[in-house]
């Protein structure tokens, strides 16, 4: 039912107190190793909600690849395009803010044949070939196409991104990405049917061609914001695929994002029972 065409990455999360000044140093208090990659996180989270979910990606010929597959709930269909699997070193300070250092490795070679299902989720690979490869996948897909472009595609500018948006049904952006893109809601909705904007502790919004929706955030103290947007996307899409009202989709997305930031790592996600408990109160 749900397919993600996305980079497989292994996250090495390093906890520090504060970021040093340039040329300074910070002590690493603890390190965690976890599977990651934004689109893969979404597919994994959705699979945990008993939805058929498949990831098309690239891996290395190393132990990190085995670790990634073993710890991913979605089915992984991969091409082995490098000796090493993509890796991200993430430094998280005491406020929960994080900084990423990406080693593309296999994720830098996004050459895999994608067989889309009912829904196709696109997440950029850390490669200058990613845009064209995913543009081709979207063109040849009859799926409902969801794009979370992140900064890699947003930084290309709206004119370039529009080449891909012609084949996209739903666009998910953070508030920063939306502002950086510099396009109006009206301009974006000429190309897509749904525009979702996440706003952190201010909640989230959804725009369609005829209406707009807003949902307040759940108030929590963040421990690690890594994967918050992925958790939101998985919660929102689970409700959307089950044809729930868009304001409910936003509310559950916000709940999943808040649930994630209270813990270390990108794949902290509520159970189906926890989501249904919130739904019963809405």
Protein backbone atom coordinates (compact mmCIF):
# COMPACT_ATOMS: atom_id res chain seq x y z
CA UNK A 1 0.00 0.00 0.00
CA UNK A 2 2.77 2.48 0.98
CA UNK A 3 6.12 2.76 -0.80
CA UNK A 4 9.04 5.00 0.08
CA UNK A 5 11.82 5.80 -2.39
CA UNK A 6 14.33 7.11 0.10
CA UNK A 7 17.93 6.91 1.35
CA UNK A 8 18.79 4.28 3.96
CA UNK A 9 21.05 5.83 6.57
CA UNK A 10 22.43 4.70 9.93
CA UNK A 11 22.42 7.44 12.56
CA UNK A 12 25.20 7.79 15.11
CA UNK A 13 23.69 10.16 17.66
CA UNK A 14 26.17 11.94 19.96
CA UNK A 15 24.84 13.76 23.03
CA UNK A 16 26.69 16.92 24.11
CA UNK A 17 25.91 19.73 26.54
CA UNK A 18 26.51 22.67 24.21
CA UNK A 19 27.86 23.34 20.75
CA UNK A 20 31.41 24.72 20.87
CA UNK A 21 32.57 27.86 19.15
CA UNK A 22 34.35 27.36 15.83
CA UNK A 23 37.72 25.80 16.59
CA UNK A 24 36.60 24.72 20.06
CA UNK A 25 35.59 21.33 21.41
CA UNK A 26 32.70 19.61 23.18
CA UNK A 27 32.64 16.40 25.20
CA UNK A 28 30.44 13.57 23.90
CA UNK A 29 28.44 12.25 26.87
CA UNK A 30 26.86 9.26 25.12
CA UNK A 31 26.46 7.79 21.62
CA UNK A 32 23.51 5.85 20.21
CA UNK A 33 23.39 3.90 16.96
CA UNK A 34 20.00 3.77 15.21
CA UNK A 35 18.63 3.20 11.70
CA UNK A 36 17.50 6.40 10.00
CA UNK A 37 16.87 8.29 6.79
CA UNK A 38 13.78 10.52 6.75
CA UNK A 39 11.64 8.63 4.24
CA UNK A 40 12.72 5.29 5.70
CA UNK A 41 11.65 6.50 9.14
CA UNK A 42 8.20 7.32 7.75
CA UNK A 43 7.87 3.90 6.11
CA UNK A 44 9.08 2.14 9.28
CA UNK A 45 6.62 4.04 11.47
CA UNK A 46 3.71 3.35 9.13
CA UNK A 47 4.63 -0.35 9.02
CA UNK A 48 4.41 -0.42 12.82
CA UNK A 49 0.75 0.60 12.44
CA UNK A 50 0.04 -2.63 10.50
CA UNK A 51 0.14 -0.98 7.08
CA UNK A 52 1.94 -2.78 4.26
CA UNK A 53 5.05 -0.69 3.71
CA UNK A 54 8.07 -1.09 1.42
CA UNK A 55 11.31 0.89 1.11
CA UNK A 56 13.24 1.08 -2.18
CA UNK A 57 16.75 2.21 -1.39
CA UNK A 58 20.50 1.56 -1.68
CA UNK A 59 22.81 -0.09 0.85
CA UNK A 60 26.48 -0.90 1.34
CA UNK A 61 28.08 -4.30 1.76
CA UNK A 62 28.73 -3.84 5.46
CA UNK A 63 27.39 -4.53 8.94
CA UNK A 64 25.47 -1.23 8.95
CA UNK A 65 23.33 -2.57 6.09
CA UNK A 66 22.48 -5.67 8.12
CA UNK A 67 21.74 -3.47 11.13
CA UNK A 68 19.44 -1.24 9.05
CA UNK A 69 17.41 -4.09 7.59
CA UNK A 70 17.16 -5.98 10.89
CA UNK A 71 15.82 -2.91 12.69
CA UNK A 72 13.37 -1.68 10.05
CA UNK A 73 9.74 -2.82 10.22
CA UNK A 74 9.04 -2.04 6.55
CA UNK A 75 10.18 -4.42 3.82
CA UNK A 76 13.54 -3.26 2.40
CA UNK A 77 14.24 -3.68 -1.34
CA UNK A 78 17.79 -2.50 -2.00
CA UNK A 79 20.55 -2.26 -4.55
CA UNK A 80 24.09 -2.49 -3.18
CA UNK A 81 25.86 0.49 -4.75
CA UNK A 82 28.84 1.05 -2.43
CA UNK A 83 31.00 -0.79 0.08
CA UNK A 84 29.56 1.35 2.90
CA UNK A 85 25.99 2.17 3.89
CA UNK A 86 25.05 5.84 4.22
CA UNK A 87 25.87 7.23 7.66
CA UNK A 88 24.91 10.37 9.58
CA UNK A 89 26.73 11.70 12.64
CA UNK A 90 24.22 13.73 14.64
CA UNK A 91 25.24 15.97 17.52
CA UNK A 92 22.42 16.84 19.93
CA UNK A 93 22.81 19.50 22.62
CA UNK A 94 21.02 19.74 25.98
CA UNK A 95 18.13 21.73 24.44
CA UNK A 96 17.41 18.94 21.94
CA UNK A 97 18.74 20.89 18.94
CA UNK A 98 20.73 18.81 16.45
CA UNK A 99 23.33 19.18 13.71
CA UNK A 100 23.91 16.61 10.96
CA UNK A 101 27.10 15.45 9.26
CA UNK A 102 26.24 13.15 6.35
CA UNK A 103 28.47 10.46 4.81
CA UNK A 104 26.52 9.59 1.62
CA UNK A 105 28.29 6.32 0.72
CA UNK A 106 25.63 4.03 -0.86
CA UNK A 107 22.94 6.69 -0.34
CA UNK A 108 24.91 8.91 -2.70
CA UNK A 109 24.17 6.49 -5.54
CA UNK A 110 20.35 6.31 -5.71
CA UNK A 111 20.12 3.79 -8.51
CA UNK A 112 17.28 1.39 -7.72
CA UNK A 113 14.24 0.38 -9.74
CA UNK A 114 11.10 1.43 -7.90
CA UNK A 115 7.79 -0.44 -8.08
CA UNK A 116 5.30 2.00 -6.56
CA UNK A 117 2.21 0.94 -4.62
CA UNK A 118 -0.95 2.95 -3.92
CA UNK A 119 1.09 5.70 -2.21
CA UNK A 120 4.62 6.74 -3.21
CA UNK A 121 6.70 8.82 -0.78
CA UNK A 122 9.77 10.62 -2.14
CA UNK A 123 12.63 11.75 0.11
CA UNK A 124 15.86 13.18 -1.41
CA UNK A 125 19.05 11.13 -1.52
CA UNK A 126 22.31 12.95 -0.67
CA UNK A 127 23.34 12.93 -4.33
CA UNK A 128 23.35 15.39 -7.23
CA UNK A 129 21.58 12.66 -9.23
CA UNK A 130 18.69 12.38 -6.78
CA UNK A 131 16.37 14.97 -8.34
CA UNK A 132 16.43 13.51 -11.84
CA UNK A 133 16.13 9.94 -10.59
CA UNK A 134 13.10 10.77 -8.44
CA UNK A 135 11.57 12.96 -11.14
CA UNK A 136 11.67 9.95 -13.44
CA UNK A 137 10.08 7.76 -10.72
CA UNK A 138 7.26 10.26 -10.20
CA UNK A 139 6.63 10.64 -13.94
CA UNK A 140 6.25 6.90 -14.36
CA UNK A 141 4.09 6.37 -11.31
CA UNK A 142 0.33 6.03 -11.14
CA UNK A 143 0.47 6.29 -7.35
CA UNK A 144 -0.63 9.12 -5.10
CA UNK A 145 2.77 10.86 -4.88
CA UNK A 146 3.93 12.52 -1.66
CA UNK A 147 7.06 14.66 -1.63
CA UNK A 148 8.98 15.77 1.42
CA UNK A 149 11.73 17.75 -0.37
CA UNK A 150 13.73 18.88 2.64
CA UNK A 151 16.39 21.51 2.19
CA UNK A 152 18.18 19.64 -0.67
CA UNK A 153 15.29 20.18 -3.10
CA UNK A 154 13.96 23.44 -1.62
CA UNK A 155 17.40 25.00 -2.13
CA UNK A 156 17.06 24.37 -5.88
CA UNK A 157 14.39 27.08 -6.01
CA UNK A 158 10.68 26.96 -6.82
CA UNK A 159 11.14 27.03 -10.59
CA UNK A 160 13.30 23.89 -10.56
CA UNK A 161 11.21 22.15 -7.90
CA UNK A 162 8.10 22.80 -10.01
CA UNK A 163 9.41 20.31 -12.57
CA UNK A 164 8.84 17.62 -9.95
CA UNK A 165 5.74 19.14 -8.35
CA UNK A 166 3.85 18.62 -11.63
CA UNK A 167 3.80 14.92 -10.72
CA UNK A 168 3.20 15.35 -6.98
CA UNK A 169 -0.15 15.19 -5.17
CA UNK A 170 0.95 16.18 -1.67
CA UNK A 171 3.85 18.39 -0.56
CA UNK A 172 5.12 18.38 3.03
CA UNK A 173 7.36 21.26 4.16
CA UNK A 174 8.67 22.65 7.41
CA UNK A 175 7.91 26.31 8.04
CA UNK A 176 11.58 27.15 7.41
CA UNK A 177 11.54 25.29 4.08
CA UNK A 178 8.31 26.98 3.02
CA UNK A 179 9.74 30.45 3.72
CA UNK A 180 13.05 29.60 2.06
CA UNK A 181 11.27 28.35 -1.06
CA UNK A 182 9.70 31.80 -1.44
CA UNK A 183 6.54 30.62 -3.20
CA UNK A 184 3.03 31.45 -2.04
CA UNK A 185 0.50 28.87 -0.92
CA UNK A 186 -1.55 29.79 -3.99
CA UNK A 187 1.38 29.17 -6.35
CA UNK A 188 2.12 25.78 -4.81
CA UNK A 189 -1.53 24.70 -4.94
CA UNK A 190 -1.55 25.30 -8.69
CA UNK A 191 0.69 22.22 -8.86
CA UNK A 192 -0.32 19.99 -5.92
CA UNK A 193 -3.61 19.13 -4.23
CA UNK A 194 -2.38 19.24 -0.62
CA UNK A 195 0.23 21.45 1.03
CA UNK A 196 1.26 20.52 4.58
CA UNK A 197 3.43 22.90 6.64
CA UNK A 198 4.84 21.83 10.00
CA UNK A 199 5.52 24.63 12.47
CA UNK A 200 7.21 22.98 15.43
CA UNK A 201 5.76 24.13 18.74
CA UNK A 202 3.21 26.24 16.82
CA UNK A 203 1.53 23.15 15.38
CA UNK A 204 0.84 22.45 11.71
CA UNK A 205 -1.30 23.56 8.78
CA UNK A 206 -2.85 21.92 5.74
CA UNK A 207 -3.99 23.76 2.62
CA UNK A 208 -6.14 22.47 -0.20
CA UNK A 209 -7.46 24.31 -3.25
CA UNK A 210 -10.66 25.20 -1.37
CA UNK A 211 -9.89 25.21 2.36
CA UNK A 212 -7.21 25.50 5.05
CA UNK A 213 -6.83 23.67 8.36
CA UNK A 214 -4.77 24.25 11.49
CA UNK A 215 -3.92 22.13 14.55
CA UNK A 216 -2.18 23.20 17.73
CA UNK A 217 0.97 21.44 18.91
CA UNK A 218 1.15 19.14 21.92
CA UNK A 219 3.27 20.89 24.55
CA UNK A 220 6.32 18.82 25.54
CA UNK A 221 9.92 19.41 26.61
CA UNK A 222 12.14 18.24 23.70
CA UNK A 223 15.02 15.86 24.36
CA UNK A 224 16.01 15.26 20.72
CA UNK A 225 14.20 16.76 17.73
CA UNK A 226 15.72 14.26 15.26
CA UNK A 227 12.90 12.59 13.31
CA UNK A 228 10.09 14.81 14.60
CA UNK A 229 8.99 15.72 11.07
CA UNK A 230 9.13 12.06 10.01
CA UNK A 231 6.96 11.04 12.96
CA UNK A 232 4.51 13.81 12.07
CA UNK A 233 4.39 12.65 8.44
CA UNK A 234 3.76 9.03 9.42
CA UNK A 235 0.94 9.96 11.80
CA UNK A 236 -0.64 12.37 9.32
CA UNK A 237 -0.41 9.90 6.43
CA UNK A 238 -1.78 6.99 8.47
CA UNK A 239 -4.92 9.03 9.13
CA UNK A 240 -5.03 10.37 5.56
CA UNK A 241 -4.81 6.85 4.09
CA UNK A 242 -7.69 5.88 6.36
CA UNK A 243 -9.74 8.81 4.99
CA UNK A 244 -9.99 10.74 8.24
CA UNK A 245 -10.74 14.49 8.24
CA UNK A 246 -7.70 16.66 7.54
CA UNK A 247 -7.86 18.45 10.90
CA UNK A 248 -7.68 15.04 12.61
CA UNK A 249 -4.76 14.07 10.37
CA UNK A 250 -2.92 17.19 11.53
CA UNK A 251 -3.71 16.56 15.18
CA UNK A 252 -2.42 12.98 15.09
CA UNK A 253 0.63 14.11 13.16
CA UNK A 254 1.34 16.66 15.90
CA UNK A 255 0.88 13.99 18.57
CA UNK A 256 3.36 11.67 16.86
CA UNK A 257 5.91 14.45 16.44
CA UNK A 258 5.62 15.42 20.12
CA UNK A 259 5.92 11.78 21.15
CA UNK A 260 9.15 11.48 19.18
CA UNK A 261 10.95 14.56 20.54
CA UNK A 262 10.57 13.38 24.14
CA UNK A 263 13.06 10.60 23.40
CA UNK A 264 16.48 10.16 21.77
CA UNK A 265 16.48 9.02 18.14
CA UNK A 266 14.39 9.32 15.00
CA UNK A 267 12.20 6.24 15.30
CA UNK A 268 10.38 6.78 18.58
CA UNK A 269 6.79 6.38 17.51
CA UNK A 270 3.52 5.67 19.35
CA UNK A 271 1.81 2.32 19.08
CA UNK A 272 -1.47 1.86 17.23
CA UNK A 273 -3.24 1.57 20.60
CA UNK A 274 -1.80 4.93 21.71
CA UNK A 275 -2.91 6.60 18.48
CA UNK A 276 -6.38 5.09 18.73
CA UNK A 277 -6.60 6.34 22.31
CA UNK A 278 -5.96 9.90 21.11
CA UNK A 279 -8.39 9.45 18.24
CA UNK A 280 -11.13 8.38 20.66
CA UNK A 281 -10.71 11.68 22.51
CA UNK A 282 -10.92 13.71 19.30
